[in-house]
């Protein structure tokens, strides 16, 4: 089982990034997927989620700026981020959860740095 995030990097305030989370080793379409982030010295926070049926939800900090999506044919989830702020700087990780169970997989994360 593997979740591999990519697309992170350094961007100026107001910029955009699109993160990807590529899944392998399990049936991607049967798992609820989500994005979390962890800034240095802080707890890991929920950012956005998408269910097996495509229903999305967002943390308040992400609403209106971030969009979560997935492509089951590519076993990949995305997080499109716009109007980035310095406080969005963090390691972004993806999570997969099999509905109704505690079966959970995490990726290693990708660093996003928003700085001028």
C-alpha atoms as a PDB file:
ATOM      1  CA  UNK A   1       0.000   0.000   0.000  1.00  0.00           C
ATOM      2  CA  UNK A   2       1.308   3.389  -0.946  1.00  0.00           C
ATOM      3  CA  UNK A   3       0.128   6.990  -0.954  1.00  0.00           C
ATOM      4  CA  UNK A   4       2.568   9.354  -2.617  1.00  0.00           C
ATOM      5  CA  UNK A   5       2.033  13.096  -2.527  1.00  0.00           C
ATOM      6  CA  UNK A   6       3.572  15.454  -5.045  1.00  0.00           C
ATOM      7  CA  UNK A   7       3.211  18.993  -6.309  1.00  0.00           C
ATOM      8  CA  UNK A   8       4.455  20.857  -3.285  1.00  0.00           C
ATOM      9  CA  UNK A   9       7.020  23.620  -3.442  1.00  0.00           C
ATOM     10  CA  UNK A  10       7.618  27.258  -2.742  1.00  0.00           C
ATOM     11  CA  UNK A  11       5.168  29.869  -3.949  1.00  0.00           C
ATOM     12  CA  UNK A  12       4.644  33.565  -3.312  1.00  0.00           C
ATOM     13  CA  UNK A  13       1.648  34.813  -1.356  1.00  0.00           C
ATOM     14  CA  UNK A  14      -1.387  34.903  -3.596  1.00  0.00           C
ATOM     15  CA  UNK A  15      -0.053  32.097  -5.733  1.00  0.00           C
ATOM     16  CA  UNK A  16      -1.452  28.672  -6.544  1.00  0.00           C
ATOM     17  CA  UNK A  17      -0.386  25.052  -6.319  1.00  0.00           C
ATOM     18  CA  UNK A  18      -1.992  21.748  -7.215  1.00  0.00           C
ATOM     19  CA  UNK A  19      -1.108  18.771  -5.058  1.00  0.00           C
ATOM     20  CA  UNK A  20      -1.544  15.154  -6.100  1.00  0.00           C
ATOM     21  CA  UNK A  21      -1.864  11.995  -4.059  1.00  0.00           C
ATOM     22  CA  UNK A  22      -1.219   8.835  -6.045  1.00  0.00           C
ATOM     23  CA  UNK A  23      -2.520   5.627  -4.505  1.00  0.00           C
ATOM     24  CA  UNK A  24      -1.465   2.044  -5.084  1.00  0.00           C
ATOM     25  CA  UNK A  25      -1.900  -1.306  -3.432  1.00  0.00           C
ATOM     26  CA  UNK A  26      -5.565  -0.914  -2.538  1.00  0.00           C
ATOM     27  CA  UNK A  27      -8.887  -0.235  -4.249  1.00  0.00           C
ATOM     28  CA  UNK A  28      -8.761   3.550  -4.339  1.00  0.00           C
ATOM     29  CA  UNK A  29     -12.384   4.058  -5.354  1.00  0.00           C
ATOM     30  CA  UNK A  30     -13.644   2.278  -2.229  1.00  0.00           C
ATOM     31  CA  UNK A  31     -11.863   4.591   0.209  1.00  0.00           C
ATOM     32  CA  UNK A  32     -12.790   7.982   1.570  1.00  0.00           C
ATOM     33  CA  UNK A  33      -9.874  10.319   0.913  1.00  0.00           C
ATOM     34  CA  UNK A  34      -8.719  13.456   2.664  1.00  0.00           C
ATOM     35  CA  UNK A  35      -5.965  16.027   2.949  1.00  0.00           C
ATOM     36  CA  UNK A  36      -4.335  17.163   6.176  1.00  0.00           C
ATOM     37  CA  UNK A  37      -1.517  19.556   6.895  1.00  0.00           C
ATOM     38  CA  UNK A  38       0.959  20.083   9.693  1.00  0.00           C
ATOM     39  CA  UNK A  39       2.909  23.259  10.247  1.00  0.00           C
ATOM     40  CA  UNK A  40       6.123  23.218  12.304  1.00  0.00           C
ATOM     41  CA  UNK A  41       5.359  22.915  15.994  1.00  0.00           C
ATOM     42  CA  UNK A  42       1.634  22.513  15.436  1.00  0.00           C
ATOM     43  CA  UNK A  43      -0.817  19.637  15.344  1.00  0.00           C
ATOM     44  CA  UNK A  44      -1.951  18.058  12.121  1.00  0.00           C
ATOM     45  CA  UNK A  45      -5.125  19.708  10.877  1.00  0.00           C
ATOM     46  CA  UNK A  46      -7.881  18.535   8.557  1.00  0.00           C
ATOM     47  CA  UNK A  47      -8.101  20.453   5.286  1.00  0.00           C
ATOM     48  CA  UNK A  48     -10.529  18.702   2.949  1.00  0.00           C
ATOM     49  CA  UNK A  49     -12.160  15.357   2.277  1.00  0.00           C
ATOM     50  CA  UNK A  50     -13.911  13.552  -0.539  1.00  0.00           C
ATOM     51  CA  UNK A  51     -16.044  10.475  -0.067  1.00  0.00           C
ATOM     52  CA  UNK A  52     -16.268   7.423  -2.263  1.00  0.00           C
ATOM     53  CA  UNK A  53     -19.327   9.039  -3.800  1.00  0.00           C
ATOM     54  CA  UNK A  54     -17.592  12.330  -4.481  1.00  0.00           C
ATOM     55  CA  UNK A  55     -19.107  14.376  -1.672  1.00  0.00           C
ATOM     56  CA  UNK A  56     -16.636  17.002  -0.518  1.00  0.00           C
ATOM     57  CA  UNK A  57     -16.094  18.844   2.740  1.00  0.00           C
ATOM     58  CA  UNK A  58     -13.637  21.538   3.789  1.00  0.00           C
ATOM     59  CA  UNK A  59     -12.150  23.130   6.849  1.00  0.00           C
ATOM     60  CA  UNK A  60     -13.130  26.776   7.195  1.00  0.00           C
ATOM     61  CA  UNK A  61      -9.590  27.830   6.325  1.00  0.00           C
ATOM     62  CA  UNK A  62      -9.836  26.044   2.980  1.00  0.00           C
ATOM     63  CA  UNK A  63     -13.338  27.062   1.894  1.00  0.00           C
ATOM     64  CA  UNK A  64     -13.347  29.238  -1.188  1.00  0.00           C
ATOM     65  CA  UNK A  65      -9.621  28.803  -1.809  1.00  0.00           C
ATOM     66  CA  UNK A  66      -8.996  25.048  -2.038  1.00  0.00           C
ATOM     67  CA  UNK A  67     -10.708  22.404  -4.157  1.00  0.00           C
ATOM     68  CA  UNK A  68     -10.433  18.684  -3.540  1.00  0.00           C
ATOM     69  CA  UNK A  69     -11.068  16.224  -6.349  1.00  0.00           C
ATOM     70  CA  UNK A  70     -10.171  12.717  -7.427  1.00  0.00           C
ATOM     71  CA  UNK A  71      -9.831  10.603 -10.534  1.00  0.00           C
ATOM     72  CA  UNK A  72     -10.658   6.983  -9.795  1.00  0.00           C
ATOM     73  CA  UNK A  73      -9.345   5.920 -13.198  1.00  0.00           C
ATOM     74  CA  UNK A  74      -5.923   7.268 -12.206  1.00  0.00           C
ATOM     75  CA  UNK A  75      -6.108   6.292  -8.522  1.00  0.00           C
ATOM     76  CA  UNK A  76      -5.237   9.873  -7.721  1.00  0.00           C
ATOM     77  CA  UNK A  77      -6.623  12.612  -5.512  1.00  0.00           C
ATOM     78  CA  UNK A  78      -5.898  16.294  -5.940  1.00  0.00           C
ATOM     79  CA  UNK A  79      -5.903  19.485  -3.915  1.00  0.00           C
ATOM     80  CA  UNK A  80      -5.986  22.670  -5.928  1.00  0.00           C
ATOM     81  CA  UNK A  81      -4.963  25.645  -3.816  1.00  0.00           C
ATOM     82  CA  UNK A  82      -5.373  29.304  -4.710  1.00  0.00           C
ATOM     83  CA  UNK A  83      -4.776  32.627  -2.945  1.00  0.00           C
ATOM     84  CA  UNK A  84      -2.124  30.997  -0.824  1.00  0.00           C
ATOM     85  CA  UNK A  85      -1.044  32.715   2.379  1.00  0.00           C
ATOM     86  CA  UNK A  86       2.114  32.368   4.468  1.00  0.00           C
ATOM     87  CA  UNK A  87       0.022  30.596   7.106  1.00  0.00           C
ATOM     88  CA  UNK A  88      -0.696  27.850   4.574  1.00  0.00           C
ATOM     89  CA  UNK A  89       2.933  26.784   4.890  1.00  0.00           C
ATOM     90  CA  UNK A  90       2.968  23.182   6.083  1.00  0.00           C
ATOM     91  CA  UNK A  91       3.551  19.580   5.136  1.00  0.00           C
ATOM     92  CA  UNK A  92       0.449  18.370   3.312  1.00  0.00           C
ATOM     93  CA  UNK A  93      -0.449  14.697   3.633  1.00  0.00           C
ATOM     94  CA  UNK A  94      -3.175  12.533   2.196  1.00  0.00           C
ATOM     95  CA  UNK A  95      -5.159   9.905   4.042  1.00  0.00           C
ATOM     96  CA  UNK A  96      -7.284   6.999   2.914  1.00  0.00           C
ATOM     97  CA  UNK A  97      -9.953   5.432   5.123  1.00  0.00           C
ATOM     98  CA  UNK A  98     -12.081   2.405   4.324  1.00  0.00           C
ATOM     99  CA  UNK A  99     -15.639   3.387   5.223  1.00  0.00           C
ATOM    100  CA  UNK A 100     -16.932   1.978   8.497  1.00  0.00           C
ATOM    101  CA  UNK A 101     -13.547   0.687   9.600  1.00  0.00           C
ATOM    102  CA  UNK A 102     -10.379   1.937  11.206  1.00  0.00           C
ATOM    103  CA  UNK A 103      -8.348   0.828   8.201  1.00  0.00           C
ATOM    104  CA  UNK A 104      -6.319   3.933   7.430  1.00  0.00           C
ATOM    105  CA  UNK A 105      -3.354   4.728   5.216  1.00  0.00           C
ATOM    106  CA  UNK A 106      -1.228   7.876   5.214  1.00  0.00           C
ATOM    107  CA  UNK A 107       1.202   9.331   2.758  1.00  0.00           C
ATOM    108  CA  UNK A 108       4.563  10.819   3.692  1.00  0.00           C
ATOM    109  CA  UNK A 109       3.593  14.354   2.803  1.00  0.00           C
ATOM    110  CA  UNK A 110       4.755  17.134   0.537  1.00  0.00           C
ATOM    111  CA  UNK A 111       6.094  20.474   1.718  1.00  0.00           C
ATOM    112  CA  UNK A 112       4.278  23.652   0.754  1.00  0.00           C
ATOM    113  CA  UNK A 113       6.012  26.930   1.550  1.00  0.00           C
ATOM    114  CA  UNK A 114       4.329  30.263   0.945  1.00  0.00           C
ATOM    115  CA  UNK A 115       6.817  33.086   1.196  1.00  0.00           C
ATOM    116  CA  UNK A 116       7.888  36.208  -0.583  1.00  0.00           C
END
